Amino acid sequence: MGRGMPGATLFACDWNAVRSPMAEGIAKKLLGKSVFLQSAGARGELPIDPFVVAVCKEIGVDLSGHSAHTFDAMEEWGDDLAQFDLIVALSPAAQRRALEAAHGADVAVEYWATLDPTDLGETREQKLWAYRKTRDQIRERIMTRFGLML
């Protein structure tokens, strides 16, 4: 698949608790229903990080109802990962899992090196700054990749 507008995109990170739900929520806000969007974790499921909910709320993205799931859970539910035109991996583990899932299928896999804010900062404000930086990095990549004006 080329770099045009994909019909279905999966965003993936390690646990589907920080970067990939951010990407899914931001993309849904920016793209509406023009692209089918979903997110998943490569390693497992954790509840959504409260800092993610807070910084996304600042830009009008409500992630409070996000329910995490994994590549494996999607496959168990009968989802064919080849249904996606594009899998965007936001961590090295997600990239490995995405390449496995896409093997032999016409699915593009892109790796977006993205800051993991979970261990940054000591105070609440420092942590929020790190999460905002990740959020803004993801937003900019989505706008660039999907041909939206900055």
C-alpha atoms as a PDB file:
ATOM      1  CA  MET A   1       0.000   0.000   0.000  1.00  0.00           C
ATOM      2  CA  GLY A   2       1.265   3.475  -0.840  1.00  0.00           C
ATOM      3  CA  ARG A   3       1.269   6.528   1.351  1.00  0.00           C
ATOM      4  CA  GLY A   4      -2.218   7.603   0.332  1.00  0.00           C
ATOM      5  CA  MET A   5      -5.226   7.740   2.619  1.00  0.00           C
ATOM      6  CA  PRO A   6      -5.745   4.287   4.153  1.00  0.00           C
ATOM      7  CA  GLY A   7      -9.285   3.023   4.626  1.00  0.00           C
ATOM      8  CA  ALA A   8      -8.478   1.350   7.963  1.00  0.00           C
ATOM      9  CA  THR A   9      -5.641   2.083  10.391  1.00  0.00           C
ATOM     10  CA  LEU A  10      -4.533   0.333  13.563  1.00  0.00           C
ATOM     11  CA  PHE A  11      -2.355   2.213  16.062  1.00  0.00           C
ATOM     12  CA  ALA A  12      -0.268  -0.025  18.316  1.00  0.00           C
ATOM     13  CA  CYS A  13       1.990   0.391  21.325  1.00  0.00           C
ATOM     14  CA  ASP A  14       3.053  -1.898  24.175  1.00  0.00           C
ATOM     15  CA  TRP A  15       0.005  -1.982  26.462  1.00  0.00           C
ATOM     16  CA  ASN A  16      -2.731   0.031  24.685  1.00  0.00           C
ATOM     17  CA  ALA A  17      -2.768   2.388  27.668  1.00  0.00           C
ATOM     18  CA  VAL A  18      -0.794   5.484  26.604  1.00  0.00           C
ATOM     19  CA  ARG A  19       0.407   6.137  23.047  1.00  0.00           C
ATOM     20  CA  SER A  20      -1.943   4.032  20.920  1.00  0.00           C
ATOM     21  CA  PRO A  21      -5.181   5.210  22.585  1.00  0.00           C
ATOM     22  CA  MET A  22      -3.906   8.783  22.237  1.00  0.00           C
ATOM     23  CA  ALA A  23      -3.314   8.185  18.537  1.00  0.00           C
ATOM     24  CA  GLU A  24      -6.692   6.522  18.013  1.00  0.00           C
ATOM     25  CA  GLY A  25      -8.569   9.297  19.819  1.00  0.00           C
ATOM     26  CA  ILE A  26      -6.716  12.145  18.138  1.00  0.00           C
ATOM     27  CA  ALA A  27      -7.078  10.541  14.706  1.00  0.00           C
ATOM     28  CA  LYS A  28     -10.814  10.050  15.235  1.00  0.00           C
ATOM     29  CA  LYS A  29     -11.167  13.712  16.162  1.00  0.00           C
ATOM     30  CA  LEU A  30      -9.154  14.873  13.139  1.00  0.00           C
ATOM     31  CA  LEU A  31     -10.379  12.378  10.537  1.00  0.00           C
ATOM     32  CA  GLY A  32     -13.915  11.676  11.685  1.00  0.00           C
ATOM     33  CA  LYS A  33     -15.376   8.637   9.964  1.00  0.00           C
ATOM     34  CA  SER A  34     -13.301   8.965   6.793  1.00  0.00           C
ATOM     35  CA  VAL A  35     -10.946   6.230   8.063  1.00  0.00           C
ATOM     36  CA  PHE A  36     -11.732   3.214  10.279  1.00  0.00           C
ATOM     37  CA  LEU A  37      -9.475   3.624  13.319  1.00  0.00           C
ATOM     38  CA  GLN A  38      -8.600   1.262  16.153  1.00  0.00           C
ATOM     39  CA  SER A  39      -5.772   0.681  18.628  1.00  0.00           C
ATOM     40  CA  ALA A  40      -4.182  -2.332  20.288  1.00  0.00           C
ATOM     41  CA  GLY A  41      -1.331  -3.381  22.542  1.00  0.00           C
ATOM     42  CA  ALA A  42       1.490  -5.697  21.554  1.00  0.00           C
ATOM     43  CA  ARG A  43       2.211  -7.088  25.006  1.00  0.00           C
ATOM     44  CA  GLY A  44      -0.907  -6.909  27.086  1.00  0.00           C
ATOM     45  CA  GLU A  45      -3.675  -4.788  28.450  1.00  0.00           C
ATOM     46  CA  LEU A  46      -3.483  -2.108  31.121  1.00  0.00           C
ATOM     47  CA  PRO A  47      -6.126   0.414  32.105  1.00  0.00           C
ATOM     48  CA  ILE A  48      -5.790   3.722  30.321  1.00  0.00           C
ATOM     49  CA  ASP A  49      -3.313   6.008  32.023  1.00  0.00           C
ATOM     50  CA  PRO A  50      -5.079   8.900  33.819  1.00  0.00           C
ATOM     51  CA  PHE A  51      -2.521  11.383  32.480  1.00  0.00           C
ATOM     52  CA  VAL A  52      -3.510  10.334  28.936  1.00  0.00           C
ATOM     53  CA  VAL A  53      -7.158  11.049  29.703  1.00  0.00           C
ATOM     54  CA  ALA A  54      -6.237  14.450  31.193  1.00  0.00           C
ATOM     55  CA  VAL A  55      -4.019  15.727  28.367  1.00  0.00           C
ATOM     56  CA  CYS A  56      -6.333  14.488  25.636  1.00  0.00           C
ATOM     57  CA  LYS A  57      -9.302  16.139  27.322  1.00  0.00           C
ATOM     58  CA  GLU A  58      -7.389  19.437  26.981  1.00  0.00           C
ATOM     59  CA  ILE A  59      -7.724  19.152  23.179  1.00  0.00           C
ATOM     60  CA  GLY A  60     -11.292  17.878  23.160  1.00  0.00           C
ATOM     61  CA  VAL A  61     -10.545  14.154  22.927  1.00  0.00           C
ATOM     62  CA  ASP A  62     -12.453  12.056  25.484  1.00  0.00           C
ATOM     63  CA  LEU A  63     -10.639   8.801  26.244  1.00  0.00           C
ATOM     64  CA  SER A  64     -12.302   8.117  29.587  1.00  0.00           C
ATOM     65  CA  GLY A  65     -14.226   5.174  28.111  1.00  0.00           C
ATOM     66  CA  HIS A  66     -11.246   3.563  26.368  1.00  0.00           C
ATOM     67  CA  SER A  67     -11.088  -0.194  26.746  1.00  0.00           C
ATOM     68  CA  ALA A  68      -7.652  -1.712  26.128  1.00  0.00           C
ATOM     69  CA  HIS A  69      -7.098  -4.814  24.029  1.00  0.00           C
ATOM     70  CA  THR A  70      -4.254  -6.661  22.356  1.00  0.00           C
ATOM     71  CA  PHE A  71      -3.394  -8.035  18.937  1.00  0.00           C
ATOM     72  CA  ASP A  72      -4.019 -11.514  20.374  1.00  0.00           C
ATOM     73  CA  ALA A  73      -7.467 -10.559  21.696  1.00  0.00           C
ATOM     74  CA  MET A  74      -8.399  -9.095  18.324  1.00  0.00           C
ATOM     75  CA  GLU A  75      -7.414 -12.347  16.619  1.00  0.00           C
ATOM     76  CA  GLU A  76      -9.344 -14.383  19.221  1.00  0.00           C
ATOM     77  CA  TRP A  77     -12.443 -12.276  18.460  1.00  0.00           C
ATOM     78  CA  GLY A  78     -12.030 -13.182  14.800  1.00  0.00           C
ATOM     79  CA  ASP A  79     -10.626  -9.857  13.626  1.00  0.00           C
ATOM     80  CA  ASP A  80      -8.386 -10.292  10.613  1.00  0.00           C
ATOM     81  CA  LEU A  81      -5.468  -7.901  11.047  1.00  0.00           C
ATOM     82  CA  ALA A  82      -5.091  -7.973   7.263  1.00  0.00           C
ATOM     83  CA  GLN A  83      -8.289  -5.884   7.148  1.00  0.00           C
ATOM     84  CA  PHE A  84      -6.153  -2.867   8.001  1.00  0.00           C
ATOM     85  CA  ASP A  85      -4.406  -0.984   5.238  1.00  0.00           C
ATOM     86  CA  LEU A  86      -1.965   0.530   7.706  1.00  0.00           C
ATOM     87  CA  ILE A  87      -0.600  -0.420  11.103  1.00  0.00           C
ATOM     88  CA  VAL A  88       1.234   2.399  12.864  1.00  0.00           C
ATOM     89  CA  ALA A  89       3.607   1.072  15.517  1.00  0.00           C
ATOM     90  CA  LEU A  90       4.472   3.547  18.263  1.00  0.00           C
ATOM     91  CA  SER A  91       6.980   1.328  20.083  1.00  0.00           C
ATOM     92  CA  PRO A  92       9.600  -1.236  19.020  1.00  0.00           C
ATOM     93  CA  ALA A  93       7.573  -4.129  20.510  1.00  0.00           C
ATOM     94  CA  ALA A  94       4.513  -2.966  18.591  1.00  0.00           C
ATOM     95  CA  GLN A  95       6.554  -2.746  15.403  1.00  0.00           C
ATOM     96  CA  ARG A  96       7.695  -6.373  15.779  1.00  0.00           C
ATOM     97  CA  ARG A  97       4.136  -7.533  16.454  1.00  0.00           C
ATOM     98  CA  ALA A  98       2.757  -5.473  13.561  1.00  0.00           C
ATOM     99  CA  LEU A  99       5.281  -6.959  11.140  1.00  0.00           C
ATOM    100  CA  GLU A 100       4.286 -10.467  12.287  1.00  0.00           C
ATOM    101  CA  ALA A 101       0.602  -9.645  11.839  1.00  0.00           C
ATOM    102  CA  ALA A 102       1.159  -8.106   8.417  1.00  0.00           C
ATOM    103  CA  HIS A 103       3.376 -10.908   7.090  1.00  0.00           C
ATOM    104  CA  GLY A 104       2.039 -12.082   3.763  1.00  0.00           C
ATOM    105  CA  ALA A 105      -0.763  -9.516   3.710  1.00  0.00           C
ATOM    106  CA  ASP A 106      -1.087  -6.226   1.862  1.00  0.00           C
ATOM    107  CA  VAL A 107      -0.740  -4.181   5.040  1.00  0.00           C
ATOM    108  CA  ALA A 108       1.701  -1.294   5.335  1.00  0.00           C
ATOM    109  CA  VAL A 109       3.536  -1.032   8.651  1.00  0.00           C
ATOM    110  CA  GLU A 110       5.001   2.302   9.691  1.00  0.00           C
ATOM    111  CA  TYR A 111       7.102   2.853  12.780  1.00  0.00           C
ATOM    112  CA  TRP A 112       6.729   6.244  14.415  1.00  0.00           C
ATOM    113  CA  ALA A 113       9.384   6.615  17.104  1.00  0.00           C
ATOM    114  CA  THR A 114       7.320   8.218  19.840  1.00  0.00           C
ATOM    115  CA  LEU A 115       8.276   9.435  23.285  1.00  0.00           C
ATOM    116  CA  ASP A 116       7.131   7.161  26.123  1.00  0.00           C
ATOM    117  CA  PRO A 117       6.192   9.660  28.841  1.00  0.00           C
ATOM    118  CA  THR A 118       5.425   7.154  31.595  1.00  0.00           C
ATOM    119  CA  ASP A 119       8.737   7.436  33.450  1.00  0.00           C
ATOM    120  CA  LEU A 120       9.365  11.129  32.897  1.00  0.00           C
ATOM    121  CA  GLY A 121       8.966  13.854  35.501  1.00  0.00           C
ATOM    122  CA  GLU A 122       8.633  13.779  39.239  1.00  0.00           C
ATOM    123  CA  THR A 123       5.907  16.334  39.903  1.00  0.00           C
ATOM    124  CA  ARG A 124       2.395  16.298  38.445  1.00  0.00           C
ATOM    125  CA  GLU A 125       3.236  19.296  36.257  1.00  0.00           C
ATOM    126  CA  GLN A 126       6.420  17.662  34.949  1.00  0.00           C
ATOM    127  CA  LYS A 127       4.494  14.494  34.128  1.00  0.00           C
ATOM    128  CA  LEU A 128       1.739  16.456  32.388  1.00  0.00           C
ATOM    129  CA  TRP A 129       4.394  18.273  30.339  1.00  0.00           C
ATOM    130  CA  ALA A 130       5.837  14.920  29.169  1.00  0.00           C
ATOM    131  CA  TYR A 131       2.393  13.541  28.259  1.00  0.00           C
ATOM    132  CA  ARG A 132       1.531  16.749  26.394  1.00  0.00           C
ATOM    133  CA  LYS A 133       4.781  16.449  24.451  1.00  0.00           C
ATOM    134  CA  THR A 134       3.860  12.881  23.424  1.00  0.00           C
ATOM    135  CA  ARG A 135       0.291  13.930  22.570  1.00  0.00           C
ATOM    136  CA  ASP A 136       1.518  16.799  20.409  1.00  0.00           C
ATOM    137  CA  GLN A 137       4.123  14.605  18.713  1.00  0.00           C
ATOM    138  CA  ILE A 138       1.437  12.057  17.816  1.00  0.00           C
ATOM    139  CA  ARG A 139      -0.983  14.764  16.639  1.00  0.00           C
ATOM    140  CA  GLU A 140       1.658  16.269  14.346  1.00  0.00           C
ATOM    141  CA  ARG A 141       2.532  12.844  12.867  1.00  0.00           C
ATOM    142  CA  ILE A 142      -1.139  12.097  12.205  1.00  0.00           C
ATOM    143  CA  MET A 143      -1.659  15.452  10.517  1.00  0.00           C
ATOM    144  CA  THR A 144       1.406  14.956   8.342  1.00  0.00           C
ATOM    145  CA  ARG A 145       0.685  11.293   7.471  1.00  0.00           C
ATOM    146  CA  PHE A 146      -2.963  11.834   6.648  1.00  0.00           C
ATOM    147  CA  GLY A 147      -2.390  15.051   4.674  1.00  0.00           C
ATOM    148  CA  LEU A 148      -4.072  17.468   7.067  1.00  0.00           C
ATOM    149  CA  MET A 149      -3.058  21.085   7.296  1.00  0.00           C
ATOM    150  CA  LEU A 150      -0.841  22.025  10.251  1.00  0.00           C
END
